[in-house]
Amino acid sequence: MKSTEKMISVGELTPCPWNPRGEITPESVKDLTASIQARGLLQNIGVWKRPDAPGYYVIFGNRRFVACVNAMLAEVRCRVFDCSEVEAHELTRIENEARLGVSPIEDARLVGKMLDLGYSGKEIAAHFGVSEACVTRRRKLLDLSPGWISRAERVDIPADTLEGVSAYPREIQDRVLSKVSDWNLRDGWSEVKRFFADVTSDLDCKWDFAWLCPELAERCRACPNRTGAQPDLFGEVEGGLGRCLNRKCFKGMHDAWVAKLVDDAIPANVTERIRVDEYEIRNSDLENKPKKGKDAAYYCIEFRNGSAKVKVKYGPGKAVKKAAAAKKKAAEAKKDAEAKAREKLVKSAKEKISAWAKKNDPGKAALEWATVDGAVDPWRAVVVALEARFSYGDLWKLVENGEKHFVYLFDCACGTQLKTQQFWASDIVRLAKVMPHMLDDLTPDEIKALKESMY
């Protein structure tokens, strides 16, 4: 393209609106201003004659232009390019790329501008020396959601990652945006791609409905909202269909397909249908046939050898289960109330026995029971000791050493516990025959509660 060098008045120059640098403040070119004041402008400013008004657009050298204005120069030396608007855009991109490295999104804006001017993708590809598919992918970057564009301005995201993201609808883009970290983004598209796999559906999966139901598979094949239908954006997809980009549509078709399978497998008079897992169908007590059409149908869908089969069994419906659960809950509540009442009676009995033990000597009472014909019967002493939960070693000491040790051990193991209520109800029931008078203050209900709490 042709260009000429000439001095142009500063007032005739205007920064071009497509400059990727954005607004340049005087403060940001303070040092450059000082240099121009000291040595003058050493490098020309590139300009292009405006088609819409008198004057020129600064297509590169905007920082130098702002510095010249700050230095209060009346005229600046410029290189005027005789070119089309597309070529002016290209000069801006090339000059900035050589100095800064234009971002993929800025390139996308340039491609979009050229398309708006009527240039085809093939012509743009020839201008920039890239493939037409590359132009398509860069243009697609303009379809990035605002959240992703903001993220790209903050984080250095590789171009292939942005291209991969832009191929998906904005709804899917935003769902992934909150899940992917900056580290994932820096690792490239191969890392980020797996997040999109989590929010899309694989149409080529052998266990999915599109593979199992030819009619619906053909509908998917004719739909453009799948990766397999857009090879320029997603590349060639092995298997043909690729991944569904409209999961809501996919789910609707899937649910309709499942509903038809279920309708064919369950009698129409069974209106209550409950989906469960295969384990519950196989291992539950459900019946193979409904009873007078009143039972609910429990079903699961099995995938075997490329086909789907609905397995159905019958059992009580939700209303019956709800009534049974309410009955069970009432029984449990009654049982809890009885347990609390019994616990209250046991506590009262323990308090009375403790009061008795503080007024009397449990050891003496036990000794009297173990005494036969004025002497301690070793076997009776053993019985009392067992009731008081002595060890076998203590029992032999009791028998060998006689009455004194027996009274001491019993007082330690049973007497002290009775006074502090630290005993089991079973101990009291067993010891009642040794010390019958300790139950004198108890009511029949308290004695009954003690016996029941043994088990």
Protein backbone atom coordinates (compact mmCIF):
# COMPACT_ATOMS: atom_id res chain seq x y z
CA MET A 1 0.00 0.00 0.00
CA LYS A 2 1.14 3.56 -0.70
CA SER A 3 2.13 6.06 1.97
CA THR A 4 3.51 9.56 2.10
CA GLU A 5 5.27 11.56 4.80
CA LYS A 6 4.02 15.04 5.72
CA MET A 7 3.64 17.48 8.60
CA ILE A 8 0.08 17.65 9.88
CA SER A 9 -1.51 20.00 12.40
CA VAL A 10 -2.27 18.37 15.74
CA GLY A 11 -5.85 19.62 15.53
CA GLU A 12 -6.49 17.50 12.43
CA LEU A 13 -5.58 14.24 14.20
CA THR A 14 -8.01 11.99 16.12
CA PRO A 15 -7.25 8.62 17.80
CA CYS A 16 -8.92 5.81 15.84
CA PRO A 17 -11.93 4.27 17.65
CA TRP A 18 -10.71 0.67 17.13
CA ASN A 19 -7.36 1.13 18.84
CA PRO A 20 -6.89 -1.86 21.19
CA ARG A 21 -4.89 0.24 23.66
CA GLY A 22 -8.05 2.03 24.77
CA GLU A 23 -7.88 5.44 26.39
CA ILE A 24 -4.36 6.80 27.00
CA THR A 25 -4.02 9.26 29.89
CA PRO A 26 -1.45 12.12 29.91
CA GLU A 27 0.02 10.71 33.09
CA SER A 28 0.84 7.40 31.38
CA VAL A 29 3.02 9.15 28.74
CA LYS A 30 4.74 11.60 31.11
CA ASP A 31 8.23 10.30 30.35
CA LEU A 32 7.58 10.18 26.60
CA THR A 33 6.38 13.79 26.70
CA ALA A 34 9.61 14.88 28.36
CA SER A 35 11.64 13.02 25.72
CA ILE A 36 9.76 14.72 22.83
CA GLN A 37 10.23 18.15 24.44
CA ALA A 38 13.96 17.49 24.71
CA ARG A 39 14.72 15.73 21.39
CA GLY A 40 11.61 16.07 19.26
CA LEU A 41 9.51 13.31 17.66
CA LEU A 42 11.91 10.63 16.43
CA GLN A 43 9.37 8.23 14.88
CA ASN A 44 6.49 9.11 12.59
CA ILE A 45 2.85 8.69 13.58
CA GLY A 46 0.79 6.51 11.23
CA VAL A 47 -2.46 8.13 10.07
CA TRP A 48 -5.31 7.39 7.68
CA LYS A 49 -7.59 10.01 6.09
CA ARG A 50 -11.01 9.90 7.72
CA PRO A 51 -13.84 8.86 5.35
CA ASP A 52 -16.57 10.45 7.50
CA ALA A 53 -15.12 13.89 8.33
CA PRO A 54 -12.14 16.17 7.61
CA GLY A 55 -8.87 15.20 9.24
CA TYR A 56 -7.04 11.95 9.96
CA TYR A 57 -7.33 8.93 12.23
CA VAL A 58 -4.19 7.95 14.14
CA ILE A 59 -3.97 4.22 13.32
CA PHE A 60 -0.71 3.65 15.20
CA GLY A 61 1.50 5.78 17.42
CA ASN A 62 -1.34 6.92 19.70
CA ARG A 63 1.00 7.22 22.70
CA ARG A 64 3.33 9.47 20.69
CA PHE A 65 0.35 11.53 19.55
CA VAL A 66 -0.87 12.11 23.14
CA ALA A 67 2.70 12.99 24.19
CA CYS A 68 2.95 15.53 21.32
CA VAL A 69 -0.29 17.13 22.48
CA ASN A 70 1.09 17.31 26.04
CA ALA A 71 4.33 18.83 24.66
CA MET A 72 2.15 21.51 22.97
CA LEU A 73 3.51 20.83 19.47
CA ALA A 74 1.56 22.57 16.71
CA GLU A 75 2.48 20.06 14.01
CA VAL A 76 3.76 16.50 13.99
CA ARG A 77 5.48 14.45 11.30
CA CYS A 78 3.12 11.71 10.09
CA ARG A 79 3.06 8.89 7.57
CA VAL A 80 -0.24 9.04 5.68
CA PHE A 81 -1.42 5.67 4.35
CA ASP A 82 -3.54 5.47 1.23
CA CYS A 83 -5.55 2.35 2.02
CA SER A 84 -9.00 0.90 2.71
CA GLU A 85 -10.59 0.82 6.16
CA VAL A 86 -9.89 -2.90 6.45
CA GLU A 87 -6.22 -2.30 5.68
CA ALA A 88 -6.20 0.52 8.26
CA HIS A 89 -7.55 -1.94 10.83
CA GLU A 90 -4.88 -4.44 9.83
CA LEU A 91 -2.13 -1.82 10.21
CA THR A 92 -3.39 -1.04 13.71
CA ARG A 93 -3.40 -4.72 14.63
CA ILE A 94 0.03 -5.43 13.15
CA GLU A 95 1.65 -2.40 14.76
CA ASN A 96 0.20 -3.12 18.18
CA GLU A 97 0.92 -6.83 17.91
CA ALA A 98 4.55 -6.07 17.16
CA ARG A 99 4.76 -3.88 20.24
CA LEU A 100 2.25 -5.35 22.71
CA GLY A 101 0.82 -8.58 21.35
CA VAL A 102 -2.89 -8.07 20.66
CA SER A 103 -5.13 -10.31 22.77
CA PRO A 104 -7.39 -12.94 21.13
CA ILE A 105 -10.47 -10.93 22.08
CA GLU A 106 -9.05 -7.78 20.45
CA ASP A 107 -8.33 -9.81 17.31
CA ALA A 108 -11.92 -11.06 17.44
CA ARG A 109 -13.22 -7.50 17.52
CA LEU A 110 -11.10 -6.65 14.48
CA VAL A 111 -12.42 -9.69 12.59
CA GLY A 112 -15.97 -8.73 13.58
CA LYS A 113 -15.44 -5.22 12.28
CA MET A 114 -14.16 -6.54 8.95
CA LEU A 115 -17.13 -8.90 8.63
CA ASP A 116 -19.46 -5.96 9.32
CA LEU A 117 -17.78 -4.09 6.45
CA GLY A 118 -18.78 -6.87 4.09
CA TYR A 119 -15.59 -8.91 3.85
CA SER A 120 -15.98 -12.68 3.74
CA GLY A 121 -14.20 -15.08 6.04
CA LYS A 122 -12.07 -16.27 3.14
CA GLU A 123 -10.95 -12.69 2.34
CA ILE A 124 -10.15 -11.98 5.99
CA ALA A 125 -8.16 -15.21 6.21
CA ALA A 126 -6.15 -14.14 3.16
CA HIS A 127 -5.50 -10.70 4.71
CA PHE A 128 -4.07 -12.16 7.89
CA GLY A 129 -2.46 -15.26 6.40
CA VAL A 130 -4.49 -17.73 8.46
CA SER A 131 -7.03 -20.42 7.70
CA GLU A 132 -10.71 -19.65 7.29
CA ALA A 133 -11.47 -21.95 10.23
CA CYS A 134 -9.16 -19.82 12.40
CA VAL A 135 -11.11 -16.70 11.37
CA THR A 136 -14.37 -18.46 12.29
CA ARG A 137 -13.02 -19.40 15.72
CA ARG A 138 -11.70 -15.88 16.38
CA ARG A 139 -15.02 -14.35 15.34
CA LYS A 140 -16.73 -16.79 17.70
CA LEU A 141 -14.84 -15.20 20.61
CA LEU A 142 -17.33 -12.33 20.43
CA ASP A 143 -19.91 -14.84 21.68
CA LEU A 144 -18.11 -15.18 25.00
CA SER A 145 -20.29 -14.17 27.95
CA PRO A 146 -19.42 -10.91 29.76
CA GLY A 147 -18.11 -12.95 32.68
CA TRP A 148 -15.61 -14.79 30.51
CA ILE A 149 -14.49 -11.59 28.77
CA SER A 150 -13.88 -9.99 32.16
CA ARG A 151 -11.97 -13.10 33.26
CA ALA A 152 -9.84 -13.00 30.10
CA GLU A 153 -8.91 -9.37 30.78
CA ARG A 154 -7.77 -10.30 34.28
CA VAL A 155 -6.14 -13.70 33.62
CA ASP A 156 -3.83 -14.64 30.74
CA ILE A 157 -6.04 -17.33 29.13
CA PRO A 158 -4.64 -19.18 26.09
CA ALA A 159 -6.39 -18.48 22.79
CA ASP A 160 -7.34 -22.14 22.26
CA THR A 161 -9.08 -22.17 25.66
CA LEU A 162 -11.12 -19.07 24.82
CA GLU A 163 -12.01 -20.54 21.43
CA GLY A 164 -13.12 -23.77 23.06
CA VAL A 165 -15.27 -21.89 25.61
CA SER A 166 -16.86 -19.61 23.00
CA ALA A 167 -18.13 -22.60 21.04
CA TYR A 168 -20.65 -23.32 23.81
CA PRO A 169 -23.85 -21.34 24.50
CA ARG A 170 -23.47 -18.56 27.07
CA GLU A 171 -25.69 -20.39 29.53
CA ILE A 172 -23.23 -23.30 29.61
CA GLN A 173 -20.25 -20.91 29.68
CA ASP A 174 -21.54 -19.20 32.83
CA ARG A 175 -22.25 -22.52 34.55
CA VAL A 176 -18.61 -23.53 34.08
CA LEU A 177 -17.14 -20.11 34.87
CA SER A 178 -17.72 -20.38 38.62
CA LYS A 179 -16.24 -23.90 38.76
CA VAL A 180 -12.97 -23.44 36.89
CA SER A 181 -9.99 -21.89 38.68
CA ASP A 182 -7.29 -19.60 37.28
CA TRP A 183 -4.85 -22.52 37.49
CA ASN A 184 -7.17 -24.64 35.34
CA LEU A 185 -7.37 -21.83 32.77
CA ARG A 186 -3.61 -21.51 32.54
CA ASP A 187 -3.28 -25.27 31.96
CA GLY A 188 -5.06 -24.93 28.61
CA TRP A 189 -8.17 -26.22 26.90
CA SER A 190 -7.49 -29.90 27.61
CA GLU A 191 -7.91 -29.15 31.33
CA VAL A 192 -10.90 -26.79 30.99
CA LYS A 193 -12.68 -29.09 28.55
CA ARG A 194 -13.54 -31.62 31.24
CA PHE A 195 -15.64 -29.01 33.07
CA PHE A 196 -17.81 -28.64 29.95
CA ALA A 197 -18.15 -32.41 29.71
CA ASP A 198 -19.81 -32.32 33.14
CA VAL A 199 -22.59 -29.98 31.96
CA THR A 200 -23.27 -31.46 28.52
CA SER A 201 -24.61 -34.85 27.43
CA ASP A 202 -22.73 -37.41 25.38
CA LEU A 203 -24.95 -38.37 22.43
CA ASP A 204 -22.63 -41.20 21.40
CA CYS A 205 -22.66 -42.97 24.78
CA LYS A 206 -23.81 -46.55 24.35
CA TRP A 207 -25.84 -46.36 27.55
CA ASP A 208 -27.70 -43.21 26.58
CA PHE A 209 -31.10 -42.89 24.93
CA ALA A 210 -29.85 -41.47 21.61
CA TRP A 211 -27.98 -44.72 20.99
CA LEU A 212 -30.79 -46.92 22.25
CA CYS A 213 -33.65 -45.13 20.51
CA PRO A 214 -33.03 -44.70 16.75
CA GLU A 215 -35.99 -42.34 16.31
CA LEU A 216 -34.70 -39.84 18.85
CA ALA A 217 -31.12 -40.32 17.67
CA GLU A 218 -32.14 -39.13 14.21
CA ARG A 219 -33.74 -36.03 15.73
CA CYS A 220 -30.45 -35.29 17.49
CA ARG A 221 -28.53 -35.86 14.27
CA ALA A 222 -30.63 -33.19 12.53
CA CYS A 223 -30.18 -30.72 15.42
CA PRO A 224 -27.42 -28.07 15.06
CA ASN A 225 -27.01 -27.72 18.84
CA ARG A 226 -24.39 -30.43 19.16
CA THR A 227 -20.63 -30.50 18.78
CA GLY A 228 -20.72 -32.99 15.91
CA ALA A 229 -22.70 -30.49 13.79
CA GLN A 230 -20.08 -27.74 14.15
CA PRO A 231 -16.71 -29.16 13.02
CA ASP A 232 -15.26 -25.67 12.41
CA LEU A 233 -15.64 -24.91 16.13
CA PHE A 234 -15.21 -28.31 17.75
CA GLY A 235 -13.20 -30.22 15.16
CA GLU A 236 -14.17 -33.60 13.84
CA VAL A 237 -16.13 -35.61 16.41
CA GLU A 238 -15.54 -39.34 16.56
CA GLY A 239 -18.82 -41.23 16.67
CA GLY A 240 -20.80 -38.68 14.71
CA LEU A 241 -23.22 -36.95 17.10
CA GLY A 242 -20.82 -35.50 19.68
CA ARG A 243 -22.13 -33.74 22.79
CA CYS A 244 -25.49 -31.99 23.16
CA LEU A 245 -25.24 -28.22 23.74
CA ASN A 246 -28.89 -27.82 24.78
CA ARG A 247 -29.25 -30.01 27.82
CA LYS A 248 -32.79 -28.81 28.51
CA CYS A 249 -33.92 -30.12 25.13
CA PHE A 250 -31.95 -33.31 25.67
CA LYS A 251 -33.54 -33.86 29.09
CA GLY A 252 -37.02 -33.28 27.68
CA MET A 253 -36.47 -35.89 24.97
CA HIS A 254 -34.91 -38.28 27.46
CA ASP A 255 -37.81 -37.92 29.91
CA ALA A 256 -40.32 -38.47 27.11
CA TRP A 257 -38.48 -41.60 26.02
CA VAL A 258 -38.40 -42.96 29.59
CA ALA A 259 -42.10 -42.17 30.05
CA LYS A 260 -42.96 -44.17 26.93
CA LEU A 261 -40.92 -47.16 28.11
CA VAL A 262 -42.65 -47.06 31.50
CA ASP A 263 -46.12 -46.68 29.96
CA ASP A 264 -45.53 -49.78 27.87
CA ALA A 265 -44.35 -51.82 30.86
CA ILE A 266 -46.90 -50.87 33.56
CA PRO A 267 -50.67 -51.45 33.36
CA ALA A 268 -52.70 -48.27 32.90
CA ASN A 269 -54.81 -48.94 36.02
CA VAL A 270 -51.68 -48.61 38.24
CA THR A 271 -51.44 -44.85 38.47
CA GLU A 272 -48.81 -44.55 41.20
CA ARG A 273 -45.34 -45.17 39.77
CA ILE A 274 -42.14 -44.92 41.78
CA ARG A 275 -38.68 -45.18 40.23
CA VAL A 276 -36.09 -47.01 42.34
CA ASP A 277 -32.66 -48.48 41.76
CA GLU A 278 -32.05 -51.96 40.44
CA TYR A 279 -30.88 -53.26 43.83
CA GLU A 280 -34.19 -52.42 45.49
CA ILE A 281 -36.15 -54.15 42.75
CA ARG A 282 -34.02 -57.29 43.03
CA ASN A 283 -33.77 -57.58 46.82
CA SER A 284 -37.03 -56.14 48.15
CA ASP A 285 -40.21 -57.92 49.29
CA LEU A 286 -42.22 -56.41 46.43
CA GLU A 287 -44.67 -58.57 44.46
CA ASN A 288 -44.43 -59.46 40.80
CA LYS A 289 -48.11 -58.71 40.19
CA PRO A 290 -50.38 -55.90 41.42
CA LYS A 291 -53.20 -56.68 43.85
CA LYS A 292 -56.49 -55.51 42.37
CA GLY A 293 -54.70 -52.61 40.76
CA LYS A 294 -54.34 -50.76 44.04
CA ASP A 295 -50.62 -51.23 44.62
CA ALA A 296 -47.97 -48.80 43.42
CA ALA A 297 -45.55 -49.83 40.68
CA TYR A 298 -41.85 -49.75 41.56
CA TYR A 299 -39.66 -49.77 38.47
CA CYS A 300 -36.10 -49.38 37.26
CA ILE A 301 -34.56 -49.25 33.78
CA GLU A 302 -31.87 -51.79 32.99
CA PHE A 303 -29.38 -51.29 30.17
CA ARG A 304 -28.16 -54.59 28.79
CA ASN A 305 -26.34 -55.27 25.52
CA GLY A 306 -27.41 -52.04 23.86
CA SER A 307 -31.06 -52.28 24.84
CA ALA A 308 -33.21 -50.83 27.60
CA LYS A 309 -35.67 -52.86 29.68
CA VAL A 310 -38.08 -51.72 32.38
CA LYS A 311 -38.27 -54.05 35.38
CA VAL A 312 -41.41 -53.64 37.49
CA LYS A 313 -42.60 -54.92 40.85
CA TYR A 314 -45.59 -53.93 42.95
CA GLY A 315 -46.05 -52.94 46.55
CA PRO A 316 -47.77 -50.49 48.89
CA GLY A 317 -48.17 -46.95 47.62
CA LYS A 318 -47.21 -43.73 49.28
CA ALA A 319 -50.52 -43.41 51.16
CA VAL A 320 -50.19 -46.90 52.65
CA LYS A 321 -46.55 -46.29 53.51
CA LYS A 322 -47.46 -42.97 55.09
CA ALA A 323 -50.14 -44.60 57.25
CA ALA A 324 -47.75 -47.39 58.28
CA ALA A 325 -45.05 -44.83 59.11
CA ALA A 326 -47.53 -42.82 61.20
CA LYS A 327 -48.55 -45.97 63.07
CA LYS A 328 -44.94 -46.89 63.69
CA LYS A 329 -44.18 -43.37 64.88
CA ALA A 330 -47.12 -43.47 67.29
CA ALA A 331 -45.95 -46.84 68.65
CA GLU A 332 -42.44 -45.50 69.11
CA ALA A 333 -43.78 -42.41 70.86
CA LYS A 334 -45.82 -44.61 73.20
CA LYS A 335 -42.78 -46.78 73.87
CA ASP A 336 -40.67 -43.70 74.61
CA ALA A 337 -43.31 -42.38 76.99
CA GLU A 338 -43.42 -45.72 78.82
CA ALA A 339 -39.63 -45.77 79.01
CA LYS A 340 -39.57 -42.25 80.48
CA ALA A 341 -42.24 -43.19 83.03
CA ARG A 342 -40.32 -46.34 83.98
CA GLU A 343 -37.11 -44.33 84.22
CA LYS A 344 -38.85 -41.92 86.57
CA LEU A 345 -40.07 -44.80 88.77
CA VAL A 346 -36.57 -46.36 88.82
CA LYS A 347 -35.09 -43.04 89.87
CA SER A 348 -37.64 -42.73 92.67
CA ALA A 349 -36.93 -46.31 93.82
CA LYS A 350 -33.19 -45.66 93.87
CA GLU A 351 -33.68 -42.54 95.96
CA LYS A 352 -35.75 -44.52 98.52
CA ILE A 353 -33.22 -47.35 98.62
CA SER A 354 -30.42 -44.82 99.06
CA ALA A 355 -32.30 -43.24 101.96
CA TRP A 356 -32.74 -46.69 103.52
CA ALA A 357 -29.04 -47.48 103.10
CA LYS A 358 -28.04 -44.25 104.84
CA LYS A 359 -30.19 -45.14 107.85
CA ASN A 360 -29.22 -48.80 107.98
CA ASP A 361 -26.08 -50.90 107.51
CA PRO A 362 -26.32 -52.99 104.32
CA GLY A 363 -23.27 -54.97 105.32
CA LYS A 364 -24.82 -55.95 108.65
CA ALA A 365 -28.07 -56.98 106.97
CA ALA A 366 -26.19 -59.17 104.52
CA LEU A 367 -24.11 -60.64 107.34
CA GLU A 368 -27.24 -61.63 109.27
CA TRP A 369 -28.58 -63.42 106.22
CA ALA A 370 -25.27 -65.25 105.72
CA THR A 371 -25.11 -66.30 109.39
CA VAL A 372 -26.37 -69.81 110.22
CA ASP A 373 -26.34 -71.17 113.78
CA GLY A 374 -24.24 -68.23 114.96
CA ALA A 375 -21.51 -68.62 112.29
CA VAL A 376 -21.07 -67.25 108.78
CA ASP A 377 -22.01 -69.86 106.19
CA PRO A 378 -19.29 -69.59 103.51
CA TRP A 379 -21.67 -70.65 100.72
CA ARG A 380 -24.29 -68.13 101.72
CA ALA A 381 -21.51 -65.55 101.91
CA VAL A 382 -20.52 -66.50 98.37
CA VAL A 383 -24.12 -65.94 97.19
CA VAL A 384 -24.18 -62.48 98.77
CA ALA A 385 -20.78 -61.69 97.30
CA LEU A 386 -21.89 -62.73 93.83
CA GLU A 387 -24.95 -60.51 94.11
CA ALA A 388 -22.60 -57.67 95.06
CA ARG A 389 -20.44 -58.47 92.00
CA PHE A 390 -17.21 -59.40 93.73
CA SER A 391 -14.36 -61.00 91.79
CA TYR A 392 -13.59 -64.69 92.29
CA GLY A 393 -10.35 -63.75 94.02
CA ASP A 394 -12.31 -61.70 96.55
CA LEU A 395 -14.71 -64.60 97.11
CA TRP A 396 -11.87 -66.94 98.09
CA LYS A 397 -10.49 -64.32 100.46
CA LEU A 398 -13.97 -64.00 101.93
CA VAL A 399 -14.27 -67.73 102.54
CA GLU A 400 -10.70 -68.11 103.86
CA ASN A 401 -10.56 -65.05 106.10
CA GLY A 402 -14.07 -65.17 107.51
CA GLU A 403 -16.62 -62.73 108.67
CA LYS A 404 -14.56 -59.52 109.06
CA HIS A 405 -13.38 -59.42 105.45
CA PHE A 406 -16.83 -60.31 104.15
CA VAL A 407 -18.47 -57.34 105.88
CA TYR A 408 -15.70 -54.99 104.70
CA LEU A 409 -15.91 -56.12 101.07
CA PHE A 410 -19.69 -55.98 101.01
CA ASP A 411 -19.70 -52.45 102.46
CA CYS A 412 -17.23 -51.30 99.83
CA ALA A 413 -18.88 -52.98 96.84
CA CYS A 414 -22.56 -52.64 97.71
CA GLY A 415 -23.15 -50.50 100.78
CA THR A 416 -21.41 -47.41 99.37
CA GLN A 417 -23.15 -47.83 96.03
CA LEU A 418 -26.56 -48.09 97.64
CA LYS A 419 -25.99 -44.83 99.50
CA THR A 420 -24.94 -42.97 96.33
CA GLN A 421 -27.52 -44.57 93.95
CA GLN A 422 -24.67 -45.94 91.76
CA PHE A 423 -26.18 -49.39 91.20
CA TRP A 424 -28.06 -51.38 88.58
CA ALA A 425 -31.70 -52.33 89.00
CA SER A 426 -30.67 -55.98 88.60
CA ASP A 427 -28.46 -55.67 91.72
CA ILE A 428 -31.43 -54.48 93.77
CA VAL A 429 -33.73 -57.25 92.59
CA ARG A 430 -31.12 -59.88 93.45
CA LEU A 431 -30.13 -58.30 96.76
CA ALA A 432 -33.77 -57.97 97.84
CA LYS A 433 -33.69 -61.54 99.21
CA VAL A 434 -30.58 -60.64 101.24
CA MET A 435 -31.92 -57.34 102.49
CA PRO A 436 -35.72 -57.54 102.09
CA HIS A 437 -36.40 -54.56 104.31
CA MET A 438 -34.70 -52.12 101.95
CA LEU A 439 -37.73 -52.42 99.64
CA ASP A 440 -40.27 -51.61 102.36
CA ASP A 441 -40.75 -47.98 101.22
CA LEU A 442 -41.11 -48.84 97.52
CA THR A 443 -44.48 -48.93 95.76
CA PRO A 444 -45.49 -51.97 93.65
CA ASP A 445 -45.02 -49.86 90.48
CA GLU A 446 -41.47 -48.94 91.52
CA ILE A 447 -40.60 -52.57 92.21
CA LYS A 448 -42.10 -53.54 88.86
CA ALA A 449 -40.10 -50.81 87.09
CA LEU A 450 -36.91 -52.09 88.71
CA LYS A 451 -37.61 -55.60 87.44
CA GLU A 452 -38.47 -54.38 83.93
CA SER A 453 -35.32 -52.26 83.71
CA MET A 454 -33.21 -55.38 84.25
CA TYR A 455 -33.77 -56.38 80.61
